[in-house]
Structures are given as C-alpha cells and as structure tokens.
C-alpha cells in the first residue's frame, strides 16, 4: 500500500498562444477545471497505474471540496483520510502556452492547515504503507516530521523537493528516494556539475533520480551518470508530468521492480500524460502504460 501526504488543489487552466506581459490582456484558447495539487496528482498516478493508495490531505468546504474528493475516488484513490476544513480549497491558476509550457500561481487554502497533529492522526495508515510520498506544497516542518515517523516505521520515503528550497541534513536522512528536476537539484545541492550534485545528496542518504523532461532521467550507477532516455512524444501540456512520474515510480518500486525498470515504467506514464491536457485527468491507466511499453519494446 502507498500513502501520499500532501496538497490537494483545483487547477484552473487557461490555454494561450503565448503568456501575456505585465499589464497586457490577451485572448485565451480555452479554459478547463481539473483536480490538481502535487500530493493529489501523485496519488492519482499511483492509483491509475495499479497501486492501492491512500490520500492524506485537506480540502475546503467551498464549491471545489467535493469535486476534488470525487475526482480522487474516480481514480481509485482511498479518500477516507481527507479532512474537510472550513474555508477555501487549494487553488492553482495555470497558464499553458502554445508549446505546452506552463506558469502557475498557487494559493494553499486548506493545504496550509495541515499540521503535525493531523499527521499523528493518520500515523496508522503511514505505518501500514510500503511507501510514503511527500512534497513541499504543505508545511516543510510537517513534511520532515512525517518523513521521520515513516523512516522510524521502516516505510520507504519518496520526496519530491518541489517547490524547491534549502534541504536540511535532517530530512535527507529520513528519505530513501529524492526526485528533483534539473532546476531543483541546482537549488538544493552544491557541485560544479550534475554528477557532483547527485553525489552530494546521496552522501546524505537518499538515492537521487533527476527528472529531465525530454532528456529523460539521470541516476548514478557505479559512480557514473546514467541517462535513461525519454520516450519521444508530441507534448501538449506538461502540467503534472513530474507528479505522474513520482506516483507511478512508487508503484513500480512497490512491486519489486529495480530502479531502472521502475523509472522506465514511470517515464512511460509521464510520456503519455504530456500528450493530453490537464494534470491528474491526463494520467494513464495501467493498461495504457503496459501497451505503450510494448510498442517501444518491439
């Protein structure tokens, strides 16, 4: 079983040929509403790709709260541990340009109310999990606290260090896998090149998996950088692709896949997701991932 502690947002997505400049108004090319949030996205990816997954988080009592919980349920995610709090749900206002790149403004809403007491109330689920997925869209202190509890219970911890910020040695010693992208690893690790940055983090504890978009994934094997090449697809919307990777990676690892095989499994899911609009709603099913991999294996 996989537990995910983190954010649950509603994504308000506007599509446009290009991003507006300061003070500029331009016409859009469509508007959509999706379930989002890094935590919820990772839970959806895990659920759709075949995992048993519990979402631990909070929504508001506004018009979005029930929509978000229902969306997670439809993706196969257990929602009994989602708390409804008076006030607004988390909201992400997302712009997607003609190249599929995105810019995001995030308001935490109910996510900002998740505290250590809430983690304690859900410790029974965390202890039963084989993996705990965490991110930084909720309080960093709460994330570190949850990682510590999971580590002490022999639960494997996967940290997505986004939004990126300074990482203390304390949290790294509780983490088994950390999955920064190329920008984030430069923000959290010192070194003149990627290899030195990966080594610097791995010396503190976790295995590093660098998500590099169209270039694939970088990991360290036998003290050398290994580039797992990305699948070639035509990207429409990259929103949530990293979350899709993390959730699916956890499923692969929980099923006993080695790191490289689990990464390819997750990369296939991410490749499919960027060919569709939205975050969680774009993530593929287990059947779609397996069929995609069969095509590339032949």
Protein backbone atom coordinates (compact mmCIF):
# COMPACT_ATOMS: atom_id res chain seq x y z
CA UNK A 1 0.00 0.00 0.00
CA UNK A 2 1.15 3.55 -0.81
CA UNK A 3 0.36 6.60 1.31
CA UNK A 4 0.56 10.13 -0.06
CA UNK A 5 0.74 13.12 2.27
CA UNK A 6 0.42 16.44 0.51
CA UNK A 7 -1.56 19.06 -1.30
CA UNK A 8 -4.93 18.80 -2.98
CA UNK A 9 -5.77 21.65 -5.36
CA UNK A 10 -8.23 22.58 -8.02
CA UNK A 11 -6.44 23.58 -11.23
CA UNK A 12 -7.96 26.46 -13.18
CA UNK A 13 -6.22 26.11 -16.53
CA UNK A 14 -6.12 28.76 -19.26
CA UNK A 15 -4.62 27.94 -22.67
CA UNK A 16 -2.99 30.66 -24.74
CA UNK A 17 -0.63 31.01 -27.68
CA UNK A 18 1.81 32.96 -25.52
CA UNK A 19 1.98 34.33 -21.99
CA UNK A 20 0.88 37.97 -21.51
CA UNK A 21 3.35 40.62 -20.42
CA UNK A 22 2.82 42.92 -17.41
CA UNK A 23 -0.41 44.89 -17.80
CA UNK A 24 -1.29 43.07 -21.02
CA UNK A 25 -4.59 41.34 -21.79
CA UNK A 26 -4.64 38.67 -24.49
CA UNK A 27 -7.23 36.20 -25.75
CA UNK A 28 -7.13 32.64 -24.50
CA UNK A 29 -7.64 29.43 -26.45
CA UNK A 30 -9.70 27.52 -23.91
CA UNK A 31 -10.33 27.06 -20.20
CA UNK A 32 -10.61 23.86 -18.13
CA UNK A 33 -11.02 22.83 -14.48
CA UNK A 34 -9.11 19.81 -13.17
CA UNK A 35 -8.16 18.14 -9.91
CA UNK A 36 -4.56 19.01 -9.08
CA UNK A 37 -2.04 19.54 -6.30
CA UNK A 38 1.28 17.72 -6.19
CA UNK A 39 0.10 15.33 -3.49
CA UNK A 40 -3.21 14.52 -5.12
CA UNK A 41 -1.59 14.21 -8.56
CA UNK A 42 0.87 11.65 -7.25
CA UNK A 43 -1.93 9.73 -5.57
CA UNK A 44 -3.92 9.68 -8.83
CA UNK A 45 -0.88 8.46 -10.77
CA UNK A 46 -0.33 5.68 -8.26
CA UNK A 47 -4.00 4.72 -8.25
CA UNK A 48 -4.38 4.67 -12.03
CA UNK A 49 -1.17 2.68 -12.52
CA UNK A 50 -2.33 -0.13 -10.27
CA UNK A 51 -1.41 0.81 -6.71
CA UNK A 52 -3.53 0.72 -3.58
CA UNK A 53 -3.16 4.30 -2.39
CA UNK A 54 -4.43 6.46 0.47
CA UNK A 55 -4.51 10.25 0.13
CA UNK A 56 -3.79 12.13 3.37
CA UNK A 57 -4.66 15.81 2.97
CA UNK A 58 -7.29 18.51 3.29
CA UNK A 59 -9.87 20.36 1.18
CA UNK A 60 -12.11 23.33 1.93
CA UNK A 61 -15.88 23.46 2.37
CA UNK A 62 -16.16 25.61 -0.76
CA UNK A 63 -17.58 24.60 -4.16
CA UNK A 64 -14.35 22.77 -5.03
CA UNK A 65 -14.05 20.47 -1.98
CA UNK A 66 -16.48 17.74 -3.03
CA UNK A 67 -15.30 17.95 -6.64
CA UNK A 68 -11.73 17.23 -5.54
CA UNK A 69 -12.63 14.28 -3.32
CA UNK A 70 -14.87 12.77 -6.00
CA UNK A 71 -12.13 13.15 -8.61
CA UNK A 72 -9.71 11.23 -6.43
CA UNK A 73 -12.24 8.47 -5.80
CA UNK A 74 -12.82 8.05 -9.53
CA UNK A 75 -9.07 7.48 -9.96
CA UNK A 76 -9.07 4.62 -7.45
CA UNK A 77 -7.67 6.63 -4.54
CA UNK A 78 -8.85 5.97 -0.98
CA UNK A 79 -10.16 9.28 0.40
CA UNK A 80 -11.23 8.43 3.97
CA UNK A 81 -8.26 10.37 5.36
CA UNK A 82 -9.04 13.63 3.56
CA UNK A 83 -10.16 16.29 6.04
CA UNK A 84 -12.73 18.93 5.04
CA UNK A 85 -11.83 22.28 6.61
CA UNK A 86 -13.88 25.47 6.81
CA UNK A 87 -12.59 27.87 4.18
CA UNK A 88 -11.21 27.59 0.67
CA UNK A 89 -9.59 24.63 -1.02
CA UNK A 90 -6.15 24.95 -2.56
CA UNK A 91 -6.29 26.67 -5.96
CA UNK A 92 -3.70 26.72 -8.76
CA UNK A 93 -4.17 29.20 -11.59
CA UNK A 94 -2.28 27.73 -14.54
CA UNK A 95 -1.36 29.23 -17.90
CA UNK A 96 -0.32 26.88 -20.69
CA UNK A 97 1.26 28.32 -23.83
CA UNK A 98 1.38 27.05 -27.40
CA UNK A 99 4.49 24.98 -26.69
CA UNK A 100 2.90 23.15 -23.79
CA UNK A 101 4.94 25.01 -21.16
CA UNK A 102 3.19 26.32 -18.06
CA UNK A 103 3.30 29.06 -15.42
CA UNK A 104 1.43 28.65 -12.12
CA UNK A 105 0.14 30.83 -9.28
CA UNK A 106 -0.69 28.71 -6.21
CA UNK A 107 -2.86 29.55 -3.19
CA UNK A 108 -2.57 26.89 -0.49
CA UNK A 109 -6.02 27.23 1.09
CA UNK A 110 -6.84 24.14 3.17
CA UNK A 111 -3.40 22.69 2.47
CA UNK A 112 -1.86 25.34 4.72
CA UNK A 113 -3.85 23.94 7.67
CA UNK A 114 -2.16 20.53 7.63
CA UNK A 115 -0.10 20.23 10.83
CA UNK A 116 1.78 17.65 12.88
CA UNK A 117 -1.35 16.70 14.83
CA UNK A 118 -3.01 15.80 11.54
CA UNK A 119 -0.05 13.59 10.67
CA UNK A 120 -0.30 11.90 14.08
CA UNK A 121 -3.97 11.14 13.46
CA UNK A 122 -3.02 9.36 10.24
CA UNK A 123 0.07 7.59 11.53
CA UNK A 124 -1.72 4.23 11.43
CA UNK A 125 -2.05 4.48 7.65
CA UNK A 126 1.52 5.68 7.19
CA UNK A 127 2.87 2.75 9.24
CA UNK A 128 0.92 0.25 7.11
CA UNK A 129 2.32 1.65 3.85
CA UNK A 130 5.29 0.30 1.92
CA UNK A 131 5.97 3.81 0.57
CA UNK A 132 5.16 7.35 1.71
CA UNK A 133 5.16 10.08 -0.97
CA UNK A 134 5.78 13.65 0.20
CA UNK A 135 6.30 17.07 -1.43
CA UNK A 136 6.70 20.69 -0.34
CA UNK A 137 3.27 22.19 -1.14
CA UNK A 138 2.42 21.77 2.55
CA UNK A 139 4.47 22.93 5.56
CA UNK A 140 8.10 21.85 5.31
CA UNK A 141 8.20 21.13 9.04
CA UNK A 142 5.20 18.83 8.67
CA UNK A 143 6.82 17.05 5.72
CA UNK A 144 10.01 16.46 7.70
CA UNK A 145 8.01 15.25 10.70
CA UNK A 146 6.09 12.75 8.55
CA UNK A 147 9.31 11.54 6.89
CA UNK A 148 10.85 10.94 10.31
CA UNK A 149 7.86 8.91 11.52
CA UNK A 150 7.76 6.87 8.32
CA UNK A 151 11.51 6.20 8.47
CA UNK A 152 11.21 5.01 12.08
CA UNK A 153 8.42 2.64 10.96
CA UNK A 154 10.61 1.21 8.14
CA UNK A 155 8.41 2.80 5.47
CA UNK A 156 10.27 3.86 2.31
CA UNK A 157 10.03 7.62 1.69
CA UNK A 158 9.99 9.30 -1.72
CA UNK A 159 10.49 13.08 -1.57
CA UNK A 160 9.66 15.38 -4.47
CA UNK A 161 11.55 18.54 -3.41
CA UNK A 162 9.15 20.94 -5.10
CA UNK A 163 8.68 23.82 -4.78
CA UNK A 164 12.45 23.75 -4.24
CA UNK A 165 14.03 25.21 -1.12
CA UNK A 166 17.03 24.54 1.09
CA UNK A 167 17.11 20.97 2.40
CA UNK A 168 18.42 20.19 5.85
CA UNK A 169 20.52 17.14 6.52
CA UNK A 170 17.80 16.05 8.94
CA UNK A 171 15.16 15.40 6.34
CA UNK A 172 17.57 13.78 3.90
CA UNK A 173 18.48 11.05 6.39
CA UNK A 174 14.79 10.05 6.53
CA UNK A 175 14.38 9.90 2.73
CA UNK A 176 15.05 6.84 0.55
CA UNK A 177 14.49 8.42 -2.89
CA UNK A 178 14.54 12.09 -3.91
CA UNK A 179 13.32 13.22 -7.34
CA UNK A 180 14.35 16.79 -8.23
CA UNK A 181 14.22 18.15 -11.75
CA UNK A 182 17.29 19.80 -13.29
CA UNK A 183 16.45 23.23 -11.87
CA UNK A 184 15.59 21.93 -8.41
CA UNK A 185 18.79 19.92 -7.96
CA UNK A 186 20.81 23.10 -8.62
CA UNK A 187 18.79 24.83 -5.90
CA UNK A 188 19.24 22.11 -3.28
CA UNK A 189 22.76 20.79 -3.91
CA UNK A 190 26.26 22.18 -4.41
CA UNK A 191 28.61 20.99 -7.14
CA UNK A 192 30.17 22.11 -10.41
CA UNK A 193 28.19 19.58 -12.47
CA UNK A 194 25.25 17.20 -12.20
CA UNK A 195 27.38 14.28 -11.01
CA UNK A 196 28.82 16.25 -8.10
CA UNK A 197 25.36 17.47 -7.11
CA UNK A 198 23.93 13.96 -7.13
CA UNK A 199 26.86 12.63 -5.11
CA UNK A 200 26.48 15.46 -2.57
CA UNK A 201 22.86 14.47 -1.93
CA UNK A 202 23.43 10.72 -1.96
CA UNK A 203 26.16 11.09 0.67
CA UNK A 204 23.41 12.42 2.96
CA UNK A 205 21.25 9.32 2.44
CA UNK A 206 18.72 9.16 -0.39
CA UNK A 207 19.02 7.75 -3.90
CA UNK A 208 18.75 10.63 -6.39
CA UNK A 209 16.57 10.45 -9.51
CA UNK A 210 16.82 13.61 -11.62
CA UNK A 211 13.77 14.25 -13.82
CA UNK A 212 14.94 15.96 -17.02
CA UNK A 213 11.79 16.18 -19.15
CA UNK A 214 12.50 15.43 -22.80
CA UNK A 215 16.02 14.28 -21.91
CA UNK A 216 14.67 11.53 -19.66
CA UNK A 217 16.05 10.70 -16.23
CA UNK A 218 19.54 10.79 -14.69
CA UNK A 219 20.68 8.42 -11.96
CA UNK A 220 24.07 7.46 -10.58
CA UNK A 221 25.21 3.87 -11.22
CA UNK A 222 28.66 2.61 -10.28
CA UNK A 223 29.70 6.23 -9.61
CA UNK A 224 28.88 7.27 -13.18
CA UNK A 225 25.93 9.24 -14.55
CA UNK A 226 23.39 7.07 -16.38
CA UNK A 227 20.90 8.81 -18.67
CA UNK A 228 17.69 6.85 -19.15
CA UNK A 229 16.43 8.27 -22.45
CA UNK A 230 12.93 9.74 -22.65
CA UNK A 231 10.23 8.34 -24.90
CA UNK A 232 9.60 10.61 -27.90
CA UNK A 233 6.09 12.09 -27.94
CA UNK A 234 4.43 15.33 -29.03
CA UNK A 235 3.80 17.31 -25.85
CA UNK A 236 0.54 19.22 -25.48
CA UNK A 237 0.62 20.09 -21.77
CA UNK A 238 3.44 19.26 -19.34
CA UNK A 239 1.43 20.14 -16.21
CA UNK A 240 1.76 17.38 -13.63
CA UNK A 241 4.22 15.25 -15.60
CA UNK A 242 6.68 15.14 -12.71
CA UNK A 243 3.90 14.12 -10.32
CA UNK A 244 2.82 11.41 -12.72
CA UNK A 245 6.40 10.11 -12.66
CA UNK A 246 6.58 10.03 -8.86
CA UNK A 247 3.28 8.26 -8.30
CA UNK A 248 3.99 5.64 -10.94
CA UNK A 249 7.58 5.23 -9.73
CA UNK A 250 6.26 4.31 -6.27
CA UNK A 251 4.02 1.65 -7.79
CA UNK A 252 6.88 0.18 -9.78
CA UNK A 253 9.21 0.07 -6.77
CA UNK A 254 6.48 -1.34 -4.51
CA UNK A 255 6.00 -4.19 -7.00
CA UNK A 256 9.67 -5.13 -6.77
CA UNK A 257 10.95 -3.53 -9.99
CA UNK A 258 14.59 -2.49 -9.85
CA UNK A 259 15.30 1.24 -10.04
CA UNK A 260 15.88 1.40 -13.80
CA UNK A 261 12.79 -0.64 -14.62
CA UNK A 262 10.68 1.43 -12.23
CA UNK A 263 11.99 4.63 -13.83
CA UNK A 264 11.11 3.43 -17.34
CA UNK A 265 7.64 2.43 -16.10
CA UNK A 266 7.21 5.93 -14.66
CA UNK A 267 8.69 7.62 -17.74
CA UNK A 268 6.17 5.82 -19.95
CA UNK A 269 3.30 7.11 -17.80
CA UNK A 270 4.69 10.66 -17.92
CA UNK A 271 5.18 10.48 -21.69
CA UNK A 272 1.53 9.55 -22.17
CA UNK A 273 0.38 12.27 -19.76
CA UNK A 274 2.03 15.16 -21.64
CA UNK A 275 0.12 14.26 -24.82
CA UNK A 276 -3.11 15.24 -23.02
CA UNK A 277 -4.37 18.35 -21.29
CA UNK A 278 -4.64 18.63 -17.53
CA UNK A 279 -2.76 17.06 -14.65
CA UNK A 280 -4.40 14.11 -12.89
CA UNK A 281 -7.01 13.71 -15.61
CA UNK A 282 -4.23 13.18 -18.17
CA UNK A 283 -2.54 10.33 -16.32
CA UNK A 284 -2.77 6.90 -17.96
CA UNK A 285 -4.19 3.64 -16.69
CA UNK A 286 -2.04 0.58 -16.03
CA UNK A 287 -3.26 -0.96 -19.28
CA UNK A 288 -2.27 2.14 -21.27
CA UNK A 289 1.22 2.14 -19.73
CA UNK A 290 1.78 -1.53 -20.48
CA UNK A 291 0.56 -1.17 -24.07
CA UNK A 292 2.80 1.89 -24.56
CA UNK A 293 5.84 -0.02 -23.31
CA UNK A 294 5.07 -2.98 -25.58
CA UNK A 295 5.15 -0.66 -28.60
CA UNK A 296 8.60 0.63 -27.64
CA UNK A 297 9.91 -2.84 -26.87
CA UNK A 298 9.09 -4.13 -30.37
